[in-house]
Protein backbone atom coordinates (compact mmCIF):
# COMPACT_ATOMS: atom_id res chain seq x y z
CA UNK A 1 0.00 0.00 0.00
CA UNK A 2 2.67 2.51 0.96
CA UNK A 3 4.88 1.73 -2.04
CA UNK A 4 1.92 2.41 -4.34
CA UNK A 5 1.32 5.76 -2.62
CA UNK A 6 5.01 6.66 -2.84
CA UNK A 7 4.93 5.79 -6.53
CA UNK A 8 1.91 8.04 -7.09
CA UNK A 9 3.49 10.91 -5.16
CA UNK A 10 6.74 10.60 -7.09
CA UNK A 11 4.75 10.64 -10.35
CA UNK A 12 2.95 13.73 -9.07
CA UNK A 13 6.26 15.45 -8.27
CA UNK A 14 7.64 14.66 -11.72
CA UNK A 15 4.48 15.96 -13.42
CA UNK A 16 4.63 19.17 -11.35
CA UNK A 17 8.26 19.73 -12.30
CA UNK A 18 7.59 19.09 -15.99
CA UNK A 19 4.55 21.35 -15.98
CA UNK A 20 6.40 24.16 -14.24
CA UNK A 21 9.46 23.94 -16.48
CA UNK A 22 7.79 23.35 -19.86
CA UNK A 23 5.03 25.95 -19.65
CA UNK A 24 7.24 29.01 -20.30
CA UNK A 25 9.31 27.18 -22.93
CA UNK A 26 6.44 25.97 -25.13
CA UNK A 27 4.29 29.09 -24.94
CA UNK A 28 2.92 29.99 -28.36
CA UNK A 29 0.55 32.93 -28.67
CA UNK A 30 -2.92 31.91 -29.75
CA UNK A 31 -2.34 28.26 -28.86
CA UNK A 32 -3.11 26.26 -25.77
CA UNK A 33 -0.60 26.56 -22.92
CA UNK A 34 1.59 23.58 -22.09
CA UNK A 35 0.09 23.67 -18.61
CA UNK A 36 -3.32 22.75 -20.01
CA UNK A 37 -1.80 19.85 -21.93
CA UNK A 38 -0.05 18.63 -18.77
CA UNK A 39 -3.33 18.89 -16.84
CA UNK A 40 -5.04 16.66 -19.40
CA UNK A 41 -2.19 14.16 -19.23
CA UNK A 42 -2.33 14.17 -15.43
CA UNK A 43 -6.09 13.70 -15.45
CA UNK A 44 -5.67 10.72 -17.75
CA UNK A 45 -2.88 8.91 -15.95
CA UNK A 46 -3.49 9.85 -12.30
CA UNK A 47 -6.52 9.91 -10.07
CA UNK A 48 -8.49 13.18 -10.27
CA UNK A 49 -7.47 14.33 -6.78
CA UNK A 50 -3.78 14.26 -7.73
CA UNK A 51 -4.49 15.99 -11.04
CA UNK A 52 -6.32 18.84 -9.31
CA UNK A 53 -3.58 19.08 -6.68
CA UNK A 54 -0.99 19.26 -9.45
CA UNK A 55 -2.85 22.06 -11.22
CA UNK A 56 -3.21 24.14 -8.05
CA UNK A 57 0.41 23.61 -6.95
CA UNK A 58 1.77 24.63 -10.35
CA UNK A 59 -0.47 27.70 -10.55
CA UNK A 60 0.58 28.87 -7.09
CA UNK A 61 4.25 28.32 -7.97
CA UNK A 62 3.86 30.29 -11.20
CA UNK A 63 2.04 33.15 -9.49
CA UNK A 64 4.70 33.42 -6.79
CA UNK A 65 7.79 33.12 -8.97
CA UNK A 66 7.19 34.28 -12.54
CA UNK A 67 6.86 37.97 -13.35
CA UNK A 68 3.95 38.87 -15.58
CA UNK A 69 1.88 35.89 -14.56
CA UNK A 70 0.48 37.70 -11.51
CA UNK A 71 -1.48 40.02 -13.79
CA UNK A 72 -3.46 37.07 -15.17
CA UNK A 73 -3.62 35.08 -11.91
CA UNK A 74 -7.42 34.52 -11.95
CA UNK A 75 -7.20 33.12 -15.48
CA UNK A 76 -4.35 30.84 -14.44
CA UNK A 77 -6.30 29.43 -11.51
CA UNK A 78 -9.43 28.85 -13.59
CA UNK A 79 -7.43 27.07 -16.31
PDB file of N, CA and C in Angstrom:
ATOM      1  N   UNK A   1       0.820  -1.197   0.000  1.00  0.00           N
ATOM      2  CA  UNK A   1       0.000   0.000   0.000  1.00  0.00           C
ATOM      3  C   UNK A   1       0.864   1.261   0.000  1.00  0.00           C
ATOM      4  N   UNK A   2       1.860   1.299   0.887  1.00  0.00           N
ATOM      5  CA  UNK A   2       2.668   2.515   0.959  1.00  0.00           C
ATOM      6  C   UNK A   2       3.561   2.683  -0.266  1.00  0.00           C
ATOM      7  N   UNK A   3       4.039   1.586  -0.850  1.00  0.00           N
ATOM      8  CA  UNK A   3       4.879   1.732  -2.038  1.00  0.00           C
ATOM      9  C   UNK A   3       4.063   2.262  -3.215  1.00  0.00           C
ATOM     10  N   UNK A   4       2.795   1.896  -3.287  1.00  0.00           N
ATOM     11  CA  UNK A   4       1.924   2.415  -4.341  1.00  0.00           C
ATOM     12  C   UNK A   4       1.699   3.912  -4.141  1.00  0.00           C
ATOM     13  N   UNK A   5       1.532   4.331  -2.894  1.00  0.00           N
ATOM     14  CA  UNK A   5       1.323   5.755  -2.615  1.00  0.00           C
ATOM     15  C   UNK A   5       2.591   6.548  -2.907  1.00  0.00           C
ATOM     16  N   UNK A   6       3.735   5.993  -2.540  1.00  0.00           N
ATOM     17  CA  UNK A   6       5.005   6.657  -2.835  1.00  0.00           C
ATOM     18  C   UNK A   6       5.203   6.774  -4.343  1.00  0.00           C
ATOM     19  N   UNK A   7       4.836   5.752  -5.072  1.00  0.00           N
ATOM     20  CA  UNK A   7       4.934   5.792  -6.533  1.00  0.00           C
ATOM     21  C   UNK A   7       4.033   6.888  -7.104  1.00  0.00           C
ATOM     22  N   UNK A   8       2.818   6.996  -6.608  1.00  0.00           N
ATOM     23  CA  UNK A   8       1.908   8.042  -7.085  1.00  0.00           C
ATOM     24  C   UNK A   8       2.435   9.428  -6.752  1.00  0.00           C
ATOM     25  N   UNK A   9       2.963   9.603  -5.541  1.00  0.00           N
ATOM     26  CA  UNK A   9       3.486  10.912  -5.155  1.00  0.00           C
ATOM     27  C   UNK A   9       4.734  11.280  -5.950  1.00  0.00           C
ATOM     28  N   UNK A  10       5.565  10.298  -6.266  1.00  0.00           N
ATOM     29  CA  UNK A  10       6.736  10.601  -7.094  1.00  0.00           C
ATOM     30  C   UNK A  10       6.312  10.946  -8.519  1.00  0.00           C
ATOM     31  N   UNK A  11       5.300  10.272  -9.037  1.00  0.00           N
ATOM     32  CA  UNK A  11       4.754  10.638 -10.349  1.00  0.00           C
ATOM     33  C   UNK A  11       4.193  12.052 -10.318  1.00  0.00           C
ATOM     34  N   UNK A  12       3.510  12.387  -9.223  1.00  0.00           N
ATOM     35  CA  UNK A  12       2.952  13.729  -9.072  1.00  0.00           C
ATOM     36  C   UNK A  12       4.063  14.775  -9.049  1.00  0.00           C
ATOM     37  N   UNK A  13       5.142  14.507  -8.334  1.00  0.00           N
ATOM     38  CA  UNK A  13       6.257  15.453  -8.267  1.00  0.00           C
ATOM     39  C   UNK A  13       6.909  15.639  -9.631  1.00  0.00           C
ATOM     40  N   UNK A  14       7.051  14.564 -10.380  1.00  0.00           N
ATOM     41  CA  UNK A  14       7.639  14.656 -11.719  1.00  0.00           C
ATOM     42  C   UNK A  14       6.729  15.458 -12.649  1.00  0.00           C
ATOM     43  N   UNK A  15       5.432  15.221 -12.574  1.00  0.00           N
ATOM     44  CA  UNK A  15       4.484  15.964 -13.420  1.00  0.00           C
ATOM     45  C   UNK A  15       4.475  17.453 -13.060  1.00  0.00           C
ATOM     46  N   UNK A  16       4.573  17.770 -11.763  1.00  0.00           N
ATOM     47  CA  UNK A  16       4.627  19.173 -11.346  1.00  0.00           C
ATOM     48  C   UNK A  16       5.878  19.835 -11.897  1.00  0.00           C
ATOM     49  N   UNK A  17       7.008  19.157 -11.796  1.00  0.00           N
ATOM     50  CA  UNK A  17       8.261  19.727 -12.298  1.00  0.00           C
ATOM     51  C   UNK A  17       8.208  19.935 -13.812  1.00  0.00           C
ATOM     52  N   UNK A  18       7.697  18.953 -14.533  1.00  0.00           N
ATOM     53  CA  UNK A  18       7.592  19.091 -15.990  1.00  0.00           C
ATOM     54  C   UNK A  18       6.650  20.221 -16.372  1.00  0.00           C
ATOM     55  N   UNK A  19       5.525  20.298 -15.694  1.00  0.00           N
ATOM     56  CA  UNK A  19       4.551  21.348 -15.984  1.00  0.00           C
ATOM     57  C   UNK A  19       5.155  22.719 -15.728  1.00  0.00           C
ATOM     58  N   UNK A  20       5.831  22.870 -14.600  1.00  0.00           N
ATOM     59  CA  UNK A  20       6.405  24.163 -14.242  1.00  0.00           C
ATOM     60  C   UNK A  20       7.528  24.573 -15.200  1.00  0.00           C
ATOM     61  N   UNK A  21       8.324  23.615 -15.622  1.00  0.00           N
ATOM     62  CA  UNK A  21       9.456  23.942 -16.481  1.00  0.00           C
ATOM     63  C   UNK A  21       9.086  24.086 -17.953  1.00  0.00           C
ATOM     64  N   UNK A  22       8.123  23.322 -18.441  1.00  0.00           N
ATOM     65  CA  UNK A  22       7.793  23.347 -19.863  1.00  0.00           C
ATOM     66  C   UNK A  22       6.810  24.444 -20.254  1.00  0.00           C
ATOM     67  N   UNK A  23       6.036  24.950 -19.308  1.00  0.00           N
ATOM     68  CA  UNK A  23       5.029  25.949 -19.647  1.00  0.00           C
ATOM     69  C   UNK A  23       5.641  27.220 -20.242  1.00  0.00           C
ATOM     70  N   UNK A  24       6.686  27.810 -19.664  1.00  0.00           N
ATOM     71  CA  UNK A  24       7.238  29.014 -20.304  1.00  0.00           C
ATOM     72  C   UNK A  24       7.996  28.716 -21.599  1.00  0.00           C
ATOM     73  N   UNK A  25       8.516  27.517 -21.741  1.00  0.00           N
ATOM     74  CA  UNK A  25       9.312  27.179 -22.927  1.00  0.00           C
ATOM     75  C   UNK A  25       8.418  26.998 -24.154  1.00  0.00           C
ATOM     76  N   UNK A  26       7.319  26.287 -24.001  1.00  0.00           N
ATOM     77  CA  UNK A  26       6.437  25.972 -25.127  1.00  0.00           C
ATOM     78  C   UNK A  26       5.211  26.876 -25.155  1.00  0.00           C
ATOM     79  N   UNK A  27       5.408  28.143 -24.915  1.00  0.00           N
ATOM     80  CA  UNK A  27       4.291  29.088 -24.942  1.00  0.00           C
ATOM     81  C   UNK A  27       4.215  29.720 -26.324  1.00  0.00           C
ATOM     82  N   UNK A  28       3.147  29.436 -27.033  1.00  0.00           N
ATOM     83  CA  UNK A  28       2.921  29.988 -28.365  1.00  0.00           C
ATOM     84  C   UNK A  28       1.643  30.813 -28.300  1.00  0.00           C
ATOM     85  N   UNK A  29       1.720  32.056 -28.715  1.00  0.00           N
ATOM     86  CA  UNK A  29       0.552  32.929 -28.665  1.00  0.00           C
ATOM     87  C   UNK A  29      -0.573  32.379 -29.538  1.00  0.00           C
ATOM     88  N   UNK A  30      -1.771  32.396 -29.019  1.00  0.00           N
ATOM     89  CA  UNK A  30      -2.924  31.911 -29.750  1.00  0.00           C
ATOM     90  C   UNK A  30      -3.136  30.415 -29.658  1.00  0.00           C
ATOM     91  N   UNK A  31      -2.229  29.717 -29.003  1.00  0.00           N
ATOM     92  CA  UNK A  31      -2.341  28.263 -28.862  1.00  0.00           C
ATOM     93  C   UNK A  31      -2.569  27.933 -27.387  1.00  0.00           C
ATOM     94  N   UNK A  32      -2.882  26.694 -27.136  1.00  0.00           N
ATOM     95  CA  UNK A  32      -3.106  26.259 -25.765  1.00  0.00           C
ATOM     96  C   UNK A  32      -1.771  26.238 -25.019  1.00  0.00           C
ATOM     97  N   UNK A  33      -1.809  26.585 -23.741  1.00  0.00           N
ATOM     98  CA  UNK A  33      -0.599  26.558 -22.924  1.00  0.00           C
ATOM     99  C   UNK A  33      -0.193  25.126 -22.641  1.00  0.00           C
ATOM    100  N   UNK A  34       1.080  24.915 -22.421  1.00  0.00           N
ATOM    101  CA  UNK A  34       1.587  23.584 -22.090  1.00  0.00           C
ATOM    102  C   UNK A  34       1.004  23.105 -20.769  1.00  0.00           C
ATOM    103  N   UNK A  35       0.672  24.037 -19.892  1.00  0.00           N
ATOM    104  CA  UNK A  35       0.091  23.674 -18.607  1.00  0.00           C
ATOM    105  C   UNK A  35      -1.250  22.958 -18.798  1.00  0.00           C
ATOM    106  N   UNK A  36      -2.040  23.404 -19.748  1.00  0.00           N
ATOM    107  CA  UNK A  36      -3.315  22.746 -20.006  1.00  0.00           C
ATOM    108  C   UNK A  36      -3.110  21.344 -20.551  1.00  0.00           C
ATOM    109  N   UNK A  37      -2.107  21.176 -21.401  1.00  0.00           N
ATOM    110  CA  UNK A  37      -1.797  19.848 -21.930  1.00  0.00           C
ATOM    111  C   UNK A  37      -1.356  18.925 -20.804  1.00  0.00           C
ATOM    112  N   UNK A  38      -0.514  19.437 -19.905  1.00  0.00           N
ATOM    113  CA  UNK A  38      -0.049  18.630 -18.774  1.00  0.00           C
ATOM    114  C   UNK A  38      -1.204  18.283 -17.834  1.00  0.00           C
ATOM    115  N   UNK A  39      -2.162  19.190 -17.676  1.00  0.00           N
ATOM    116  CA  UNK A  39      -3.328  18.893 -16.844  1.00  0.00           C
ATOM    117  C   UNK A  39      -4.162  17.763 -17.440  1.00  0.00           C
ATOM    118  N   UNK A  40      -4.307  17.747 -18.746  1.00  0.00           N
ATOM    119  CA  UNK A  40      -5.042  16.664 -19.405  1.00  0.00           C
ATOM    120  C   UNK A  40      -4.301  15.341 -19.251  1.00  0.00           C
ATOM    121  N   UNK A  41      -2.988  15.380 -19.409  1.00  0.00           N
ATOM    122  CA  UNK A  41      -2.189  14.159 -19.232  1.00  0.00           C
ATOM    123  C   UNK A  41      -2.296  13.656 -17.798  1.00  0.00           C
ATOM    124  N   UNK A  42      -2.222  14.568 -16.832  1.00  0.00           N
ATOM    125  CA  UNK A  42      -2.332  14.173 -15.427  1.00  0.00           C
ATOM    126  C   UNK A  42      -3.715  13.612 -15.116  1.00  0.00           C
ATOM    127  N   UNK A  43      -4.742  14.201 -15.670  1.00  0.00           N
ATOM    128  CA  UNK A  43      -6.093  13.696 -15.451  1.00  0.00           C
ATOM    129  C   UNK A  43      -6.303  12.325 -16.060  1.00  0.00           C
ATOM    130  N   UNK A  44      -5.549  12.024 -17.103  1.00  0.00           N
ATOM    131  CA  UNK A  44      -5.666  10.724 -17.752  1.00  0.00           C
ATOM    132  C   UNK A  44      -4.924   9.632 -16.997  1.00  0.00           C
ATOM    133  N   UNK A  45      -3.718   9.942 -16.538  1.00  0.00           N
ATOM    134  CA  UNK A  45      -2.875   8.909 -15.950  1.00  0.00           C
ATOM    135  C   UNK A  45      -2.920   8.827 -14.432  1.00  0.00           C
ATOM    136  N   UNK A  46      -3.424   9.858 -13.758  1.00  0.00           N
ATOM    137  CA  UNK A  46      -3.491   9.848 -12.302  1.00  0.00           C
ATOM    138  C   UNK A  46      -4.939   9.968 -11.856  1.00  0.00           C
ATOM    139  N   UNK A  47      -5.166   9.749 -10.573  1.00  0.00           N
ATOM    140  CA  UNK A  47      -6.519   9.912 -10.067  1.00  0.00           C
ATOM    141  C   UNK A  47      -6.852  11.407 -10.058  1.00  0.00           C
ATOM    142  N   UNK A  48      -8.125  11.767 -10.151  1.00  0.00           N
ATOM    143  CA  UNK A  48      -8.493  13.184 -10.272  1.00  0.00           C
ATOM    144  C   UNK A  48      -8.009  14.066  -9.121  1.00  0.00           C
ATOM    145  N   UNK A  49      -7.937  13.531  -7.912  1.00  0.00           N
ATOM    146  CA  UNK A  49      -7.469  14.327  -6.784  1.00  0.00           C
ATOM    147  C   UNK A  49      -6.029  14.780  -6.992  1.00  0.00           C
ATOM    148  N   UNK A  50      -5.176  13.901  -7.472  1.00  0.00           N
ATOM    149  CA  UNK A  50      -3.781  14.262  -7.733  1.00  0.00           C
ATOM    150  C   UNK A  50      -3.681  15.229  -8.910  1.00  0.00           C
ATOM    151  N   UNK A  51      -4.522  15.077  -9.897  1.00  0.00           N
ATOM    152  CA  UNK A  51      -4.489  15.990 -11.042  1.00  0.00           C
ATOM    153  C   UNK A  51      -4.890  17.407 -10.636  1.00  0.00           C
ATOM    154  N   UNK A  52      -5.899  17.520  -9.797  1.00  0.00           N
ATOM    155  CA  UNK A  52      -6.325  18.836  -9.308  1.00  0.00           C
ATOM    156  C   UNK A  52      -5.248  19.430  -8.406  1.00  0.00           C
ATOM    157  N   UNK A  53      -4.662  18.604  -7.547  1.00  0.00           N
ATOM    158  CA  UNK A  53      -3.581  19.083  -6.680  1.00  0.00           C
ATOM    159  C   UNK A  53      -2.405  19.575  -7.514  1.00  0.00           C
ATOM    160  N   UNK A  54      -2.081  18.845  -8.580  1.00  0.00           N
ATOM    161  CA  UNK A  54      -0.989  19.256  -9.449  1.00  0.00           C
ATOM    162  C   UNK A  54      -1.283  20.609 -10.076  1.00  0.00           C
ATOM    163  N   UNK A  55      -2.490  20.802 -10.575  1.00  0.00           N
ATOM    164  CA  UNK A  55      -2.851  22.061 -11.221  1.00  0.00           C
ATOM    165  C   UNK A  55      -2.748  23.230 -10.239  1.00  0.00           C
ATOM    166  N   UNK A  56      -3.260  23.061  -9.028  1.00  0.00           N
ATOM    167  CA  UNK A  56      -3.207  24.142  -8.048  1.00  0.00           C
ATOM    168  C   UNK A  56      -1.783  24.433  -7.591  1.00  0.00           C
ATOM    169  N   UNK A  57      -0.977  23.404  -7.383  1.00  0.00           N
ATOM    170  CA  UNK A  57       0.406  23.612  -6.948  1.00  0.00           C
ATOM    171  C   UNK A  57       1.194  24.353  -8.019  1.00  0.00           C
ATOM    172  N   UNK A  58       1.030  23.968  -9.267  1.00  0.00           N
ATOM    173  CA  UNK A  58       1.767  24.629 -10.348  1.00  0.00           C
ATOM    174  C   UNK A  58       1.321  26.074 -10.506  1.00  0.00           C
ATOM    175  N   UNK A  59       0.028  26.331 -10.407  1.00  0.00           N
ATOM    176  CA  UNK A  59      -0.472  27.701 -10.545  1.00  0.00           C
ATOM    177  C   UNK A  59       0.075  28.580  -9.431  1.00  0.00           C
ATOM    178  N   UNK A  60       0.062  28.081  -8.209  1.00  0.00           N
ATOM    179  CA  UNK A  60       0.581  28.869  -7.091  1.00  0.00           C
ATOM    180  C   UNK A  60       2.075  29.125  -7.271  1.00  0.00           C
ATOM    181  N   UNK A  61       2.811  28.121  -7.717  1.00  0.00           N
ATOM    182  CA  UNK A  61       4.247  28.316  -7.965  1.00  0.00           C
ATOM    183  C   UNK A  61       4.484  29.350  -9.054  1.00  0.00           C
ATOM    184  N   UNK A  62       3.689  29.323 -10.111  1.00  0.00           N
ATOM    185  CA  UNK A  62       3.855  30.286 -11.201  1.00  0.00           C
ATOM    186  C   UNK A  62       3.494  31.696 -10.748  1.00  0.00           C
ATOM    187  N   UNK A  63       2.448  31.826  -9.966  1.00  0.00           N
ATOM    188  CA  UNK A  63       2.045  33.148  -9.491  1.00  0.00           C
ATOM    189  C   UNK A  63       3.119  33.737  -8.591  1.00  0.00           C
ATOM    190  N   UNK A  64       3.719  32.914  -7.744  1.00  0.00           N
ATOM    191  CA  UNK A  64       4.699  33.420  -6.786  1.00  0.00           C
ATOM    192  C   UNK A  64       6.074  33.675  -7.387  1.00  0.00           C
ATOM    193  N   UNK A  65       6.419  33.020  -8.478  1.00  0.00           N
ATOM    194  CA  UNK A  65       7.786  33.122  -8.968  1.00  0.00           C
ATOM    195  C   UNK A  65       7.956  33.808 -10.320  1.00  0.00           C
ATOM    196  N   UNK A  66       6.987  33.756 -11.197  1.00  0.00           N
ATOM    197  CA  UNK A  66       7.190  34.283 -12.541  1.00  0.00           C
ATOM    198  C   UNK A  66       6.606  35.679 -12.679  1.00  0.00           C
ATOM    199  N   UNK A  67       7.396  36.633 -13.125  1.00  0.00           N
ATOM    200  CA  UNK A  67       6.863  37.974 -13.346  1.00  0.00           C
ATOM    201  C   UNK A  67       5.934  37.988 -14.556  1.00  0.00           C
ATOM    202  N   UNK A  68       4.901  38.772 -14.469  1.00  0.00           N
ATOM    203  CA  UNK A  68       3.955  38.873 -15.577  1.00  0.00           C
ATOM    204  C   UNK A  68       2.797  37.909 -15.473  1.00  0.00           C
ATOM    205  N   UNK A  69       2.963  36.846 -14.721  1.00  0.00           N
ATOM    206  CA  UNK A  69       1.875  35.886 -14.562  1.00  0.00           C
ATOM    207  C   UNK A  69       0.888  36.389 -13.518  1.00  0.00           C
ATOM    208  N   UNK A  70       1.349  37.209 -12.574  1.00  0.00           N
ATOM    209  CA  UNK A  70       0.475  37.696 -11.508  1.00  0.00           C
ATOM    210  C   UNK A  70      -0.649  38.569 -12.062  1.00  0.00           C
ATOM    211  N   UNK A  71      -0.434  39.181 -13.213  1.00  0.00           N
ATOM    212  CA  UNK A  71      -1.479  40.025 -13.789  1.00  0.00           C
ATOM    213  C   UNK A  71      -2.637  39.195 -14.348  1.00  0.00           C
ATOM    214  N   UNK A  72      -2.399  37.932 -14.668  1.00  0.00           N
ATOM    215  CA  UNK A  72      -3.462  37.072 -15.167  1.00  0.00           C
ATOM    216  C   UNK A  72      -3.716  35.906 -14.201  1.00  0.00           C
ATOM    217  N   UNK A  73      -3.492  36.142 -12.913  1.00  0.00           N
ATOM    218  CA  UNK A  73      -3.624  35.080 -11.910  1.00  0.00           C
ATOM    219  C   UNK A  73      -5.004  34.439 -11.890  1.00  0.00           C
ATOM    220  N   UNK A  74      -6.110  35.200 -11.963  1.00  0.00           N
ATOM    221  CA  UNK A  74      -7.415  34.524 -11.952  1.00  0.00           C
ATOM    222  C   UNK A  74      -7.603  33.594 -13.153  1.00  0.00           C
ATOM    223  N   UNK A  75      -7.094  33.985 -14.305  1.00  0.00           N
ATOM    224  CA  UNK A  75      -7.202  33.116 -15.477  1.00  0.00           C
ATOM    225  C   UNK A  75      -6.358  31.866 -15.300  1.00  0.00           C
ATOM    226  N   UNK A  76      -5.203  31.996 -14.649  1.00  0.00           N
ATOM    227  CA  UNK A  76      -4.347  30.839 -14.441  1.00  0.00           C
ATOM    228  C   UNK A  76      -4.994  29.852 -13.486  1.00  0.00           C
ATOM    229  N   UNK A  77      -5.664  30.337 -12.465  1.00  0.00           N
ATOM    230  CA  UNK A  77      -6.299  29.430 -11.508  1.00  0.00           C
ATOM    231  C   UNK A  77      -7.500  28.746 -12.143  1.00  0.00           C
ATOM    232  N   UNK A  78      -8.261  29.459 -12.949  1.00  0.00           N
ATOM    233  CA  UNK A  78      -9.427  28.850 -13.591  1.00  0.00           C
ATOM    234  C   UNK A  78      -8.992  27.776 -14.571  1.00  0.00           C
ATOM    235  N   UNK A  79      -7.904  28.019 -15.311  1.00  0.00           N
ATOM    236  CA  UNK A  79      -7.426  27.074 -16.312  1.00  0.00           C
ATOM    237  C   UNK A  79      -6.936  25.813 -15.686  1.00  0.00           C
TER     238      UNK A  79
END
